[in-house]
Amino acid sequence: MSVTLHTSHGEIKIEVFCEAVPKTAENFLALCAQGAYNGCLFHRNIKGFMIQTGDPTGTGKGGQSIWGKPFADEVRGTLKFNARGIVAMANSGPDTNKLSSFFADAKQSHLDTKYSIFGRVIDGADTTLDALEKVPVNEKMRPTTEIRLERVEIHANPIAERMQD
């Protein structure tokens, strides 16, 4: 299962871990299908650490899951922040997942078991992620020029296909 994020700085293709984290994958894919991420800003960019998007308010504090409330973490010992391009839900503490997510810019083992990892970048890490990471930021780590997630292209959605059967 994969999706392509079409950003103002290029494309990022993500493999989504549907079997390992089914609830997190369902939330992400349903929000993609609803267009919830279309036009969202990348609102936080910490070079060498991570870049965050997915909040329609552009603050990192807005938006909601498909269930209308935060949902529980799906932390798996087999899924780790062991490489650049790992994708996880952003949260404000345990079991507070909504719709915002982030890309790790590098290995971040101190984040293991604290965030629900639901995917990894399989194309665009050396081009688009590099370009995003280089955008200048202000003292609050907000990009000084807009970076947008324009739209998401779903290549196959096994969760939706199972629901139709």
Protein backbone atom coordinates (compact mmCIF):
# COMPACT_ATOMS: atom_id res chain seq x y z
CA MET A 1 0.00 0.00 0.00
CA SER A 2 1.36 3.40 -0.88
CA VAL A 3 0.40 7.03 -1.33
CA THR A 4 2.14 9.95 -3.00
CA LEU A 5 2.14 13.32 -1.29
CA HIS A 6 2.23 16.09 -3.87
CA THR A 7 3.88 19.04 -2.12
CA SER A 8 4.84 22.53 -3.24
CA HIS A 9 8.45 21.25 -3.30
CA GLY A 10 7.99 17.90 -5.07
CA GLU A 11 6.59 14.43 -4.49
CA ILE A 12 7.05 12.01 -1.61
CA LYS A 13 5.90 8.40 -1.96
CA ILE A 14 5.10 6.60 1.28
CA GLU A 15 4.63 2.92 2.01
CA VAL A 16 1.80 2.63 4.58
CA PHE A 17 2.06 -0.20 7.13
CA CYS A 18 -1.60 -1.33 7.00
CA GLU A 19 -1.08 -4.73 8.62
CA ALA A 20 1.24 -3.62 11.42
CA VAL A 21 -0.83 -0.61 12.54
CA PRO A 22 -4.35 -1.08 11.14
CA LYS A 23 -6.14 1.64 13.10
CA THR A 24 -3.49 4.29 12.38
CA ALA A 25 -3.41 3.26 8.70
CA GLU A 26 -7.22 3.37 8.49
CA ASN A 27 -7.27 6.88 9.95
CA PHE A 28 -4.51 8.13 7.63
CA LEU A 29 -5.94 6.57 4.46
CA ALA A 30 -9.51 7.68 5.20
CA LEU A 31 -8.32 11.23 5.81
CA CYS A 32 -6.35 11.08 2.55
CA ALA A 33 -9.45 9.86 0.70
CA GLN A 34 -11.54 12.66 2.23
CA GLY A 35 -9.02 15.27 1.07
CA ALA A 36 -8.35 16.31 4.69
CA TYR A 37 -4.65 16.88 3.97
CA ASN A 38 -5.13 18.87 0.77
CA GLY A 39 -3.66 22.34 1.17
CA CYS A 40 -2.18 21.72 4.63
CA LEU A 41 0.97 23.60 5.57
CA PHE A 42 4.16 21.96 6.74
CA HIS A 43 4.03 23.96 9.95
CA ARG A 44 7.11 22.75 11.81
CA ASN A 45 10.55 22.02 10.39
CA ILE A 46 13.47 21.15 12.64
CA LYS A 47 16.55 20.49 10.49
CA GLY A 48 18.12 17.10 11.17
CA PHE A 49 15.12 16.04 13.27
CA MET A 50 11.68 16.21 11.62
CA ILE A 51 9.14 18.05 9.51
CA GLN A 52 5.44 18.07 10.44
CA THR A 53 2.20 18.54 8.48
CA GLY A 54 -1.42 17.45 8.41
CA ASP A 55 -3.12 20.06 10.58
CA PRO A 56 -5.67 22.10 8.59
CA THR A 57 -5.22 25.09 10.94
CA GLY A 58 -1.47 25.17 10.28
CA THR A 59 -0.71 25.34 14.02
CA GLY A 60 -0.12 21.70 14.95
CA LYS A 61 -3.07 21.83 17.36
CA GLY A 62 -6.09 21.49 15.07
CA GLY A 63 -7.90 18.81 13.19
CA GLN A 64 -9.44 15.53 14.20
CA SER A 65 -9.24 11.81 13.50
CA ILE A 66 -11.92 10.03 11.45
CA TRP A 67 -13.55 9.04 14.75
CA GLY A 68 -13.95 12.66 15.86
CA LYS A 69 -11.66 12.23 18.84
CA PRO A 70 -8.05 11.26 19.59
CA PHE A 71 -7.22 7.58 19.28
CA ALA A 72 -4.83 5.22 21.05
CA ASP A 73 -1.21 4.73 20.06
CA GLU A 74 -0.26 1.69 17.99
CA VAL A 75 3.34 1.27 19.03
CA ARG A 76 5.11 -1.81 17.69
CA GLY A 77 8.52 -3.02 18.81
CA THR A 78 9.30 -3.94 15.21
CA LEU A 79 8.71 -0.37 13.95
CA LYS A 80 11.50 2.00 14.87
CA PHE A 81 12.86 5.41 13.95
CA ASN A 82 15.93 3.69 12.51
CA ALA A 83 16.26 5.65 9.26
CA ARG A 84 15.51 8.88 7.47
CA GLY A 85 11.96 9.05 6.14
CA ILE A 86 10.08 7.18 8.86
CA VAL A 87 6.52 8.58 9.06
CA ALA A 88 4.57 8.73 12.33
CA MET A 89 1.58 10.34 13.96
CA ALA A 90 2.33 13.57 15.81
CA ASN A 91 0.76 13.78 19.24
CA SER A 92 0.62 15.78 22.45
CA GLY A 93 1.20 12.77 24.69
CA PRO A 94 0.15 9.12 24.92
CA ASP A 95 -3.03 8.17 23.03
CA THR A 96 -3.64 11.63 21.53
CA ASN A 97 -3.37 10.82 17.81
CA LYS A 98 -5.58 12.85 15.45
CA LEU A 99 -4.41 13.65 11.92
CA SER A 100 -1.08 15.46 12.10
CA SER A 101 2.02 13.48 11.21
CA PHE A 102 5.76 13.93 10.77
CA PHE A 103 8.71 12.68 8.77
CA ALA A 104 11.94 11.90 10.59
CA ASP A 105 14.88 13.63 8.89
CA ALA A 106 17.30 11.09 10.35
CA LYS A 107 17.48 8.14 12.74
CA GLN A 108 15.69 9.17 15.98
CA SER A 109 15.88 6.15 18.31
CA HIS A 110 14.87 8.26 21.34
CA LEU A 111 11.38 8.48 19.75
CA ASP A 112 10.91 4.68 19.59
CA THR A 113 7.74 3.55 21.45
CA LYS A 114 6.52 7.16 21.86
CA TYR A 115 4.82 7.62 18.47
CA SER A 116 2.71 5.46 16.17
CA ILE A 117 4.90 4.79 13.14
CA PHE A 118 2.69 4.08 10.14
CA GLY A 119 4.94 4.34 7.11
CA ARG A 120 8.22 5.10 5.46
CA VAL A 121 9.30 7.19 2.50
CA ILE A 122 10.09 4.95 -0.47
CA ASP A 123 10.66 7.71 -3.03
CA GLY A 124 11.54 11.38 -2.65
CA ALA A 125 13.82 11.22 0.41
CA ASP A 126 16.88 12.42 -1.50
CA THR A 127 14.99 15.07 -3.44
CA THR A 128 11.81 16.40 -1.84
CA LEU A 129 12.64 15.70 1.81
CA ASP A 130 16.03 17.32 1.25
CA ALA A 131 14.33 20.38 -0.28
CA LEU A 132 11.84 20.62 2.59
CA GLU A 133 14.54 20.33 5.22
CA LYS A 134 16.49 23.21 3.62
CA VAL A 135 13.62 25.73 3.84
CA PRO A 136 14.62 28.50 6.31
CA VAL A 137 12.66 28.65 9.56
CA ASN A 138 11.99 31.27 12.25
CA GLU A 139 12.77 30.98 15.97
CA LYS A 140 9.64 28.82 16.46
CA MET A 141 10.82 26.37 13.75
CA ARG A 142 8.05 27.47 11.39
CA PRO A 143 9.08 27.74 7.72
CA THR A 144 9.54 31.36 6.67
CA THR A 145 8.17 30.53 3.22
CA GLU A 146 5.09 28.37 2.74
CA ILE A 147 5.46 24.66 2.19
CA ARG A 148 2.16 23.01 1.29
CA LEU A 149 0.88 19.48 1.00
CA GLU A 150 -1.17 20.13 -2.12
CA ARG A 151 -2.88 16.74 -2.42
CA VAL A 152 -2.49 13.04 -1.73
CA GLU A 153 -2.73 10.34 -4.37
CA ILE A 154 -3.76 6.92 -3.05
CA HIS A 155 -2.31 4.12 -5.17
CA ALA A 156 -4.24 1.28 -3.53
CA ASN A 157 -6.35 1.26 -0.39
CA PRO A 158 -6.73 -2.28 0.99
CA ILE A 159 -8.83 -1.04 3.91
CA ALA A 160 -11.44 0.49 1.61
CA GLU A 161 -11.35 -2.59 -0.61
CA ARG A 162 -12.05 -4.88 2.39
CA MET A 163 -15.00 -2.70 3.42
CA GLN A 164 -16.54 -3.07 -0.05
CA ASP A 165 -16.43 -6.88 0.03
